[in-house]
Amino acid sequence: MMNRKWLIAVTSLVVIFTPLVGVTNEAADLKVIMQELRNSLTDITDGLLLDDFEQIERGAIAIAEHPQIPPAQVQRVAAELGPEMAAFKQLDTLVHDLSLEINAAAKAQDRDAALSGYLRMMEGCMACHSGYKERVAAVLSEATAEM
């Protein structure tokens, strides 16, 4: 009897909260991805400062394999950036490729190559932030406000 009550309680909670899953904050999705990328970048930085190649590898591969931006957000960003979307995507690809380069350098325990890739990756990150952060954040905030 106790198991049945427990099952009914859990099922009720699932039914109550399932609609809330669909009402997610899309801006938070990208925001969470960006925060995790920052954390991974910090891992690389710390790894370089400590000569901890495993930490550099972890940070670099986490950047390379970060979750994809939800399709609805991609559409909003593309609509906002218009023809600039190609340059935006190019920066994303650059950072991805450099994270793989950093990972390979860390596997080879080549600090100089890892540092070189890291510095170029930082330039790509900062170019994206200075060129697009405000506009992307604004368009995603508007979409969230409409929900």
N, C-alpha and C. Protein backbone atom coordinates (compact mmCIF):
# COMPACT_ATOMS: atom_id res chain seq x y z
N MET A 1 0.82 -1.19 0.00
CA MET A 1 0.00 0.00 0.00
C MET A 1 0.86 1.25 0.00
N MET A 2 1.95 1.24 0.76
CA MET A 2 2.85 2.40 0.85
C MET A 2 3.50 2.68 -0.51
N ASN A 3 3.89 1.60 -1.23
CA ASN A 3 4.50 1.79 -2.54
C ASN A 3 3.52 2.43 -3.51
N ARG A 4 2.27 2.06 -3.41
CA ARG A 4 1.26 2.63 -4.31
C ARG A 4 1.09 4.13 -4.03
N LYS A 5 1.03 4.52 -2.76
CA LYS A 5 0.90 5.94 -2.41
C LYS A 5 2.12 6.71 -2.91
N TRP A 6 3.29 6.13 -2.75
CA TRP A 6 4.51 6.77 -3.22
C TRP A 6 4.48 6.95 -4.73
N LEU A 7 4.04 5.91 -5.45
CA LEU A 7 3.94 5.97 -6.90
C LEU A 7 2.94 7.04 -7.34
N ILE A 8 1.81 7.12 -6.67
CA ILE A 8 0.80 8.14 -7.00
C ILE A 8 1.36 9.54 -6.73
N ALA A 9 2.08 9.72 -5.65
CA ALA A 9 2.65 11.02 -5.32
C ALA A 9 3.68 11.44 -6.36
N VAL A 10 4.56 10.53 -6.73
CA VAL A 10 5.58 10.84 -7.73
C VAL A 10 4.94 11.14 -9.09
N THR A 11 3.96 10.33 -9.47
CA THR A 11 3.27 10.53 -10.74
C THR A 11 2.57 11.89 -10.75
N SER A 12 1.96 12.25 -9.65
CA SER A 12 1.29 13.55 -9.55
C SER A 12 2.27 14.69 -9.73
N LEU A 13 3.43 14.59 -9.11
CA LEU A 13 4.44 15.63 -9.25
C LEU A 13 4.92 15.74 -10.70
N VAL A 14 5.11 14.61 -11.33
CA VAL A 14 5.54 14.62 -12.74
C VAL A 14 4.49 15.30 -13.60
N VAL A 15 3.22 14.96 -13.39
CA VAL A 15 2.14 15.56 -14.18
C VAL A 15 2.07 17.07 -13.92
N ILE A 16 2.27 17.48 -12.69
CA ILE A 16 2.19 18.90 -12.34
C ILE A 16 3.35 19.68 -12.96
N PHE A 17 4.55 19.14 -12.91
CA PHE A 17 5.73 19.89 -13.33
C PHE A 17 6.11 19.69 -14.80
N THR A 18 5.57 18.71 -15.48
CA THR A 18 5.91 18.49 -16.89
C THR A 18 5.65 19.71 -17.75
N PRO A 19 4.51 20.42 -17.62
CA PRO A 19 4.31 21.61 -18.45
C PRO A 19 5.37 22.68 -18.22
N LEU A 20 5.94 22.73 -17.04
CA LEU A 20 6.96 23.75 -16.75
C LEU A 20 8.25 23.49 -17.51
N VAL A 21 8.50 22.26 -17.88
CA VAL A 21 9.71 21.94 -18.62
C VAL A 21 9.71 22.65 -19.97
N GLY A 22 8.54 22.76 -20.59
CA GLY A 22 8.43 23.43 -21.87
C GLY A 22 8.56 24.93 -21.77
N VAL A 23 8.41 25.49 -20.58
CA VAL A 23 8.48 26.93 -20.39
C VAL A 23 9.86 27.27 -19.84
N THR A 24 10.87 26.90 -20.57
CA THR A 24 12.23 27.18 -20.12
C THR A 24 12.65 28.56 -20.58
N ASN A 25 13.60 29.11 -19.91
CA ASN A 25 14.15 30.41 -20.25
C ASN A 25 15.23 30.19 -21.29
N GLU A 26 14.93 30.50 -22.56
CA GLU A 26 15.90 30.23 -23.62
C GLU A 26 17.18 31.03 -23.44
N ALA A 27 17.08 32.25 -22.94
CA ALA A 27 18.29 33.04 -22.73
C ALA A 27 19.20 32.34 -21.72
N ALA A 28 18.59 31.68 -20.74
CA ALA A 28 19.39 30.95 -19.75
C ALA A 28 20.12 29.79 -20.41
N ASP A 29 19.52 29.18 -21.45
CA ASP A 29 20.21 28.09 -22.12
C ASP A 29 21.55 28.55 -22.68
N LEU A 30 21.54 29.61 -23.45
CA LEU A 30 22.78 30.13 -24.01
C LEU A 30 23.66 30.67 -22.89
N LYS A 31 23.05 31.30 -21.92
CA LYS A 31 23.83 31.85 -20.81
C LYS A 31 24.56 30.72 -20.07
N VAL A 32 23.88 29.62 -19.85
CA VAL A 32 24.51 28.48 -19.17
C VAL A 32 25.66 27.93 -20.02
N ILE A 33 25.44 27.83 -21.32
CA ILE A 33 26.50 27.35 -22.21
C ILE A 33 27.71 28.28 -22.12
N MET A 34 27.46 29.58 -22.16
CA MET A 34 28.57 30.54 -22.10
C MET A 34 29.29 30.48 -20.75
N GLN A 35 28.54 30.30 -19.68
CA GLN A 35 29.17 30.18 -18.36
C GLN A 35 30.05 28.94 -18.29
N GLU A 36 29.59 27.84 -18.87
CA GLU A 36 30.40 26.62 -18.88
C GLU A 36 31.65 26.80 -19.75
N LEU A 37 31.51 27.53 -20.86
CA LEU A 37 32.69 27.81 -21.68
C LEU A 37 33.70 28.63 -20.89
N ARG A 38 33.21 29.59 -20.12
CA ARG A 38 34.11 30.39 -19.28
C ARG A 38 34.81 29.49 -18.26
N ASN A 39 34.06 28.59 -17.66
CA ASN A 39 34.66 27.67 -16.69
C ASN A 39 35.73 26.80 -17.34
N SER A 40 35.45 26.35 -18.56
CA SER A 40 36.43 25.52 -19.27
C SER A 40 37.66 26.33 -19.64
N LEU A 41 37.45 27.58 -20.00
CA LEU A 41 38.57 28.46 -20.31
C LEU A 41 39.44 28.69 -19.07
N THR A 42 38.78 28.81 -17.93
CA THR A 42 39.50 28.95 -16.66
C THR A 42 40.31 27.68 -16.36
N ASP A 43 39.75 26.53 -16.70
CA ASP A 43 40.50 25.27 -16.52
C ASP A 43 41.78 25.29 -17.35
N ILE A 44 41.67 25.75 -18.59
CA ILE A 44 42.86 25.82 -19.45
C ILE A 44 43.87 26.79 -18.85
N THR A 45 43.39 27.96 -18.44
CA THR A 45 44.27 28.97 -17.85
C THR A 45 45.01 28.41 -16.65
N ASP A 46 44.26 27.81 -15.74
CA ASP A 46 44.89 27.23 -14.55
C ASP A 46 45.86 26.13 -14.93
N GLY A 47 45.47 25.30 -15.88
CA GLY A 47 46.35 24.22 -16.32
C GLY A 47 47.66 24.76 -16.89
N LEU A 48 47.57 25.83 -17.65
CA LEU A 48 48.79 26.43 -18.20
C LEU A 48 49.67 27.00 -17.09
N LEU A 49 49.05 27.64 -16.12
CA LEU A 49 49.82 28.22 -15.01
C LEU A 49 50.45 27.15 -14.12
N LEU A 50 49.81 25.99 -14.04
CA LEU A 50 50.29 24.91 -13.17
C LEU A 50 51.04 23.82 -13.92
N ASP A 51 51.16 23.97 -15.26
CA ASP A 51 51.73 22.92 -16.10
C ASP A 51 50.99 21.60 -15.88
N ASP A 52 49.67 21.69 -15.75
CA ASP A 52 48.82 20.52 -15.56
C ASP A 52 48.16 20.23 -16.91
N PHE A 53 48.80 19.37 -17.69
CA PHE A 53 48.34 19.09 -19.05
C PHE A 53 47.00 18.38 -19.08
N GLU A 54 46.71 17.56 -18.07
CA GLU A 54 45.41 16.90 -18.02
C GLU A 54 44.29 17.93 -17.84
N GLN A 55 44.54 18.93 -17.03
CA GLN A 55 43.54 19.98 -16.83
C GLN A 55 43.36 20.79 -18.11
N ILE A 56 44.42 21.05 -18.81
CA ILE A 56 44.34 21.76 -20.09
C ILE A 56 43.50 20.94 -21.06
N GLU A 57 43.77 19.65 -21.13
CA GLU A 57 43.00 18.76 -22.01
C GLU A 57 41.51 18.80 -21.67
N ARG A 58 41.19 18.69 -20.38
CA ARG A 58 39.78 18.69 -19.95
C ARG A 58 39.09 19.98 -20.37
N GLY A 59 39.74 21.09 -20.13
CA GLY A 59 39.15 22.37 -20.50
C GLY A 59 38.98 22.52 -21.99
N ALA A 60 39.99 22.12 -22.73
CA ALA A 60 39.95 22.27 -24.19
C ALA A 60 38.88 21.38 -24.82
N ILE A 61 38.80 20.14 -24.38
CA ILE A 61 37.81 19.24 -24.97
C ILE A 61 36.39 19.65 -24.57
N ALA A 62 36.24 20.20 -23.37
CA ALA A 62 34.91 20.68 -22.95
C ALA A 62 34.46 21.84 -23.85
N ILE A 63 35.38 22.68 -24.26
CA ILE A 63 35.04 23.77 -25.17
C ILE A 63 34.68 23.19 -26.54
N ALA A 64 35.49 22.26 -27.02
CA ALA A 64 35.24 21.68 -28.34
C ALA A 64 33.90 20.95 -28.40
N GLU A 65 33.51 20.34 -27.30
CA GLU A 65 32.29 19.52 -27.28
C GLU A 65 31.14 20.18 -26.53
N HIS A 66 31.16 21.51 -26.42
CA HIS A 66 30.09 22.18 -25.67
C HIS A 66 28.73 21.91 -26.31
N PRO A 67 27.68 21.97 -25.49
CA PRO A 67 26.32 21.74 -26.02
C PRO A 67 25.99 22.77 -27.11
N GLN A 68 25.14 22.36 -28.00
CA GLN A 68 24.71 23.26 -29.08
C GLN A 68 23.66 24.22 -28.56
N ILE A 69 23.65 25.40 -29.14
CA ILE A 69 22.63 26.38 -28.80
C ILE A 69 21.29 25.84 -29.30
N PRO A 70 20.23 25.97 -28.51
CA PRO A 70 18.92 25.49 -28.95
C PRO A 70 18.52 26.11 -30.30
N PRO A 71 17.91 25.32 -31.19
CA PRO A 71 17.57 25.79 -32.53
C PRO A 71 16.76 27.10 -32.55
N ALA A 72 15.83 27.26 -31.62
CA ALA A 72 15.04 28.49 -31.61
C ALA A 72 15.94 29.70 -31.35
N GLN A 73 16.94 29.53 -30.51
CA GLN A 73 17.87 30.63 -30.24
C GLN A 73 18.74 30.90 -31.45
N VAL A 74 19.17 29.86 -32.13
CA VAL A 74 19.98 30.04 -33.33
C VAL A 74 19.20 30.86 -34.35
N GLN A 75 17.91 30.55 -34.51
CA GLN A 75 17.08 31.29 -35.47
C GLN A 75 16.96 32.76 -35.08
N ARG A 76 16.79 33.03 -33.80
CA ARG A 76 16.68 34.43 -33.35
C ARG A 76 17.99 35.18 -33.57
N VAL A 77 19.09 34.53 -33.25
CA VAL A 77 20.39 35.16 -33.43
C VAL A 77 20.65 35.41 -34.91
N ALA A 78 20.35 34.44 -35.75
CA ALA A 78 20.55 34.59 -37.19
C ALA A 78 19.70 35.73 -37.74
N ALA A 79 18.47 35.85 -37.27
CA ALA A 79 17.60 36.93 -37.73
C ALA A 79 18.16 38.28 -37.31
N GLU A 80 18.71 38.35 -36.12
CA GLU A 80 19.28 39.62 -35.62
C GLU A 80 20.56 39.98 -36.37
N LEU A 81 21.42 39.01 -36.58
CA LEU A 81 22.73 39.30 -37.18
C LEU A 81 22.68 39.39 -38.69
N GLY A 82 21.70 38.76 -39.28
CA GLY A 82 21.56 38.83 -40.74
C GLY A 82 22.84 38.37 -41.43
N PRO A 83 23.38 39.22 -42.32
CA PRO A 83 24.58 38.82 -43.06
C PRO A 83 25.84 38.67 -42.18
N GLU A 84 25.79 39.19 -40.98
CA GLU A 84 26.92 39.05 -40.05
C GLU A 84 26.98 37.65 -39.43
N MET A 85 25.93 36.86 -39.64
CA MET A 85 25.88 35.53 -39.06
C MET A 85 27.05 34.68 -39.53
N ALA A 86 27.48 34.87 -40.76
CA ALA A 86 28.62 34.09 -41.28
C ALA A 86 29.89 34.39 -40.49
N ALA A 87 30.12 35.65 -40.16
CA ALA A 87 31.30 36.02 -39.37
C ALA A 87 31.17 35.49 -37.94
N PHE A 88 29.97 35.53 -37.40
CA PHE A 88 29.70 35.00 -36.06
C PHE A 88 30.03 33.50 -36.03
N LYS A 89 29.53 32.78 -37.02
CA LYS A 89 29.78 31.34 -37.12
C LYS A 89 31.27 31.06 -37.32
N GLN A 90 31.93 31.93 -38.08
CA GLN A 90 33.36 31.75 -38.32
C GLN A 90 34.15 31.84 -37.01
N LEU A 91 33.76 32.77 -36.14
CA LEU A 91 34.43 32.87 -34.84
C LEU A 91 34.17 31.63 -34.00
N ASP A 92 32.95 31.12 -34.05
CA ASP A 92 32.61 29.90 -33.32
C ASP A 92 33.47 28.73 -33.81
N THR A 93 33.61 28.63 -35.12
CA THR A 93 34.42 27.56 -35.71
C THR A 93 35.89 27.73 -35.34
N LEU A 94 36.38 28.95 -35.36
CA LEU A 94 37.76 29.23 -34.98
C LEU A 94 38.04 28.77 -33.55
N VAL A 95 37.15 29.15 -32.63
CA VAL A 95 37.34 28.76 -31.23
C VAL A 95 37.28 27.24 -31.09
N HIS A 96 36.37 26.60 -31.81
CA HIS A 96 36.28 25.13 -31.77
C HIS A 96 37.59 24.51 -32.25
N ASP A 97 38.07 24.95 -33.41
CA ASP A 97 39.29 24.39 -33.98
C ASP A 97 40.49 24.62 -33.07
N LEU A 98 40.57 25.81 -32.49
CA LEU A 98 41.69 26.10 -31.59
C LEU A 98 41.61 25.29 -30.30
N SER A 99 40.41 25.00 -29.84
CA SER A 99 40.30 24.17 -28.64
C SER A 99 40.82 22.76 -28.92
N LEU A 100 40.56 22.26 -30.13
CA LEU A 100 41.12 20.95 -30.51
C LEU A 100 42.64 21.01 -30.62
N GLU A 101 43.14 22.13 -31.14
CA GLU A 101 44.59 22.32 -31.23
C GLU A 101 45.22 22.36 -29.84
N ILE A 102 44.58 23.05 -28.92
CA ILE A 102 45.08 23.13 -27.54
C ILE A 102 45.05 21.75 -26.91
N ASN A 103 43.99 21.00 -27.14
CA ASN A 103 43.88 19.65 -26.60
C ASN A 103 45.02 18.78 -27.11
N ALA A 104 45.29 18.85 -28.41
CA ALA A 104 46.38 18.05 -28.99
C ALA A 104 47.73 18.46 -28.40
N ALA A 105 47.94 19.75 -28.23
CA ALA A 105 49.20 20.23 -27.65
C ALA A 105 49.34 19.74 -26.21
N ALA A 106 48.24 19.74 -25.47
CA ALA A 106 48.30 19.27 -24.08
C ALA A 106 48.61 17.78 -24.03
N LYS A 107 48.00 17.02 -24.95
CA LYS A 107 48.29 15.57 -25.01
C LYS A 107 49.78 15.33 -25.28
N ALA A 108 50.36 16.21 -26.11
CA ALA A 108 51.79 16.09 -26.43
C ALA A 108 52.67 16.77 -25.36
N GLN A 109 52.02 17.33 -24.36
CA GLN A 109 52.70 18.08 -23.29
C GLN A 109 53.58 19.18 -23.87
N ASP A 110 53.06 19.86 -24.88
CA ASP A 110 53.74 20.98 -25.53
C ASP A 110 53.13 22.28 -25.01
N ARG A 111 53.71 22.78 -23.94
CA ARG A 111 53.18 23.98 -23.28
C ARG A 111 53.16 25.17 -24.22
N ASP A 112 54.22 25.37 -25.00
CA ASP A 112 54.29 26.52 -25.90
C ASP A 112 53.18 26.49 -26.95
N ALA A 113 52.92 25.33 -27.53
CA ALA A 113 51.85 25.21 -28.52
C ALA A 113 50.48 25.40 -27.87
N ALA A 114 50.32 24.86 -26.66
CA ALA A 114 49.05 25.03 -25.94
C ALA A 114 48.81 26.51 -25.63
N LEU A 115 49.86 27.18 -25.19
CA LEU A 115 49.74 28.61 -24.88
C LEU A 115 49.45 29.42 -26.13
N SER A 116 50.11 29.11 -27.21
CA SER A 116 49.87 29.82 -28.47
C SER A 116 48.42 29.67 -28.92
N GLY A 117 47.92 28.44 -28.87
CA GLY A 117 46.53 28.19 -29.24
C GLY A 117 45.56 28.90 -28.30
N TYR A 118 45.90 28.88 -27.02
CA TYR A 118 45.07 29.54 -26.01
C TYR A 118 44.97 31.04 -26.28
N LEU A 119 46.09 31.67 -26.57
CA LEU A 119 46.08 33.11 -26.82
C LEU A 119 45.27 33.45 -28.07
N ARG A 120 45.40 32.64 -29.11
CA ARG A 120 44.60 32.87 -30.33
C ARG A 120 43.12 32.61 -30.06
N MET A 121 42.83 31.60 -29.24
CA MET A 121 41.44 31.32 -28.90
C MET A 121 40.85 32.48 -28.11
N MET A 122 41.61 33.03 -27.18
CA MET A 122 41.13 34.18 -26.41
C MET A 122 40.81 35.36 -27.32
N GLU A 123 41.64 35.57 -28.35
CA GLU A 123 41.37 36.64 -29.31
C GLU A 123 40.03 36.39 -30.00
N GLY A 124 39.76 35.14 -30.37
CA GLY A 124 38.49 34.80 -31.00
C GLY A 124 37.32 35.00 -30.04
N CYS A 125 37.49 34.58 -28.80
CA CYS A 125 36.43 34.76 -27.80
C CYS A 125 36.12 36.24 -27.59
N MET A 126 37.17 37.03 -27.45
CA MET A 126 36.98 38.45 -27.20
C MET A 126 36.40 39.17 -28.43
N ALA A 127 36.78 38.74 -29.61
CA ALA A 127 36.22 39.34 -30.82
C ALA A 127 34.72 39.07 -30.88
N CYS A 128 34.31 37.89 -30.53
CA CYS A 128 32.89 37.54 -30.52
C CYS A 128 32.16 38.36 -29.45
N HIS A 129 32.73 38.43 -28.27
CA HIS A 129 32.09 39.17 -27.19
C HIS A 129 31.95 40.65 -27.54
N SER A 130 33.01 41.24 -28.02
CA SER A 130 32.93 42.67 -28.31
C SER A 130 32.04 42.96 -29.51
N GLY A 131 31.95 42.03 -30.44
CA GLY A 131 31.16 42.26 -31.64
C GLY A 131 29.70 41.89 -31.53
N TYR A 132 29.37 40.92 -30.67
CA TYR A 132 28.02 40.36 -30.72
C TYR A 132 27.29 40.20 -29.39
N LYS A 133 27.99 40.22 -28.28
CA LYS A 133 27.37 39.87 -27.00
C LYS A 133 26.12 40.71 -26.70
N GLU A 134 26.22 42.01 -26.82
CA GLU A 134 25.08 42.86 -26.46
C GLU A 134 23.87 42.59 -27.34
N ARG A 135 24.09 42.47 -28.63
CA ARG A 135 22.97 42.25 -29.55
C ARG A 135 22.34 40.88 -29.35
N VAL A 136 23.16 39.86 -29.18
CA VAL A 136 22.63 38.52 -28.98
C VAL A 136 21.87 38.45 -27.66
N ALA A 137 22.44 39.01 -26.61
CA ALA A 137 21.76 39.01 -25.31
C ALA A 137 20.43 39.75 -25.40
N ALA A 138 20.41 40.86 -26.11
CA ALA A 138 19.18 41.65 -26.24
C ALA A 138 18.09 40.88 -26.97
N VAL A 139 18.44 40.25 -28.09
CA VAL A 139 17.41 39.53 -28.85
C VAL A 139 16.91 38.31 -28.08
N LEU A 140 17.75 37.67 -27.32
CA LEU A 140 17.30 36.52 -26.53
C LEU A 140 16.50 36.97 -25.31
N SER A 141 16.83 38.13 -24.76
CA SER A 141 16.04 38.68 -23.65
C SER A 141 14.66 39.06 -24.12
N GLU A 142 14.56 39.63 -25.31
CA GLU A 142 13.25 39.96 -25.88
C GLU A 142 12.40 38.72 -26.04
N ALA A 143 13.02 37.65 -26.52
CA ALA A 143 12.28 36.40 -26.72
C ALA A 143 11.79 35.85 -25.39
N THR A 144 12.60 35.98 -24.35
CA THR A 144 12.22 35.50 -23.03
C THR A 144 11.08 36.33 -22.47
N ALA A 145 11.11 37.65 -22.70
CA ALA A 145 10.07 38.53 -22.20
C ALA A 145 8.72 38.23 -22.87
N GLU A 146 8.76 37.72 -24.10
CA GLU A 146 7.54 37.40 -24.83
C GLU A 146 6.87 36.14 -24.29
N MET A 147 7.59 35.32 -23.56
CA MET A 147 7.04 34.04 -23.08
C MET A 147 6.07 34.25 -21.96
